[in-house]
Amino acid sequence: MNPVRVARVAACVAIAALGLTTVAGAQVASSFRGLQGSLHGGERLTITDQAGVVTNGRLTTLSDESLRLIVQSATPIDVPESSVAKIEHVRSRVRKGALMGLLGGATVGAFAVFLTPPCTGFCIGPSRGEAILPVAGIFGGIGAGIGALIGAARYHRLVYLAPGRETPRGASSQSPDPRSPPTTANTIVSKSRLPS
């Protein structure tokens, strides 16, 4: 069996394993009280306030009216519910990807040794029984590396949306919706650039 083909199969197994996610917690809360079932502290969050300012940090405490977040400067800030437009839970799946890649790679490596035809005459090298563990370990290590790289991507899951707010599909929190009318600030800037 071609080693490149085996590596491709291991990568496909890792990608398929990462794609299997649970649907639990797919509900988007409309109040901080509703968030208390899905956020417990320590999660990385991206918070967008009503003015569109984005804050990244780690959740420390959550109450019915506010949440406390540690930002990069290591100072905790309190964010009241009335100022929050949306909250996204930021996750990466490095461990899961590495584990699934390890299992997939080790399985492919052991299977490749198992499919090797038995030696009937003069043979150089180890027998199948002696080679199965080292080959499974090597392929498992390669699979774990590939899985960790794939799992290192960060996933943003919307967990809170303020009542009365809608997020257009495909729009990111950093870029405004191109279909929305220009804001007052944009209108003033564009008028000031007009030649006299």
Foldseek 3Di string as FASTA:
>chain_A
DDPVVLLVQLLVQLVVQVPDDDCPLQDADQFLVVCVVPDDWQFWKWWQWPVLDIFTFTWHDTDRFWTWGQGPVRDIDIDGPNGTAWMWTKDFQLPSQLVSQLVSQLVSQLVVLVPPDFDDDDDDDDGSVVVSVVSSRVRSNSRSVSRNVVRRDMDIRTHYGHPPDDDDPPDDSVDDDPPDDDDPVVVVVVVVPDDD
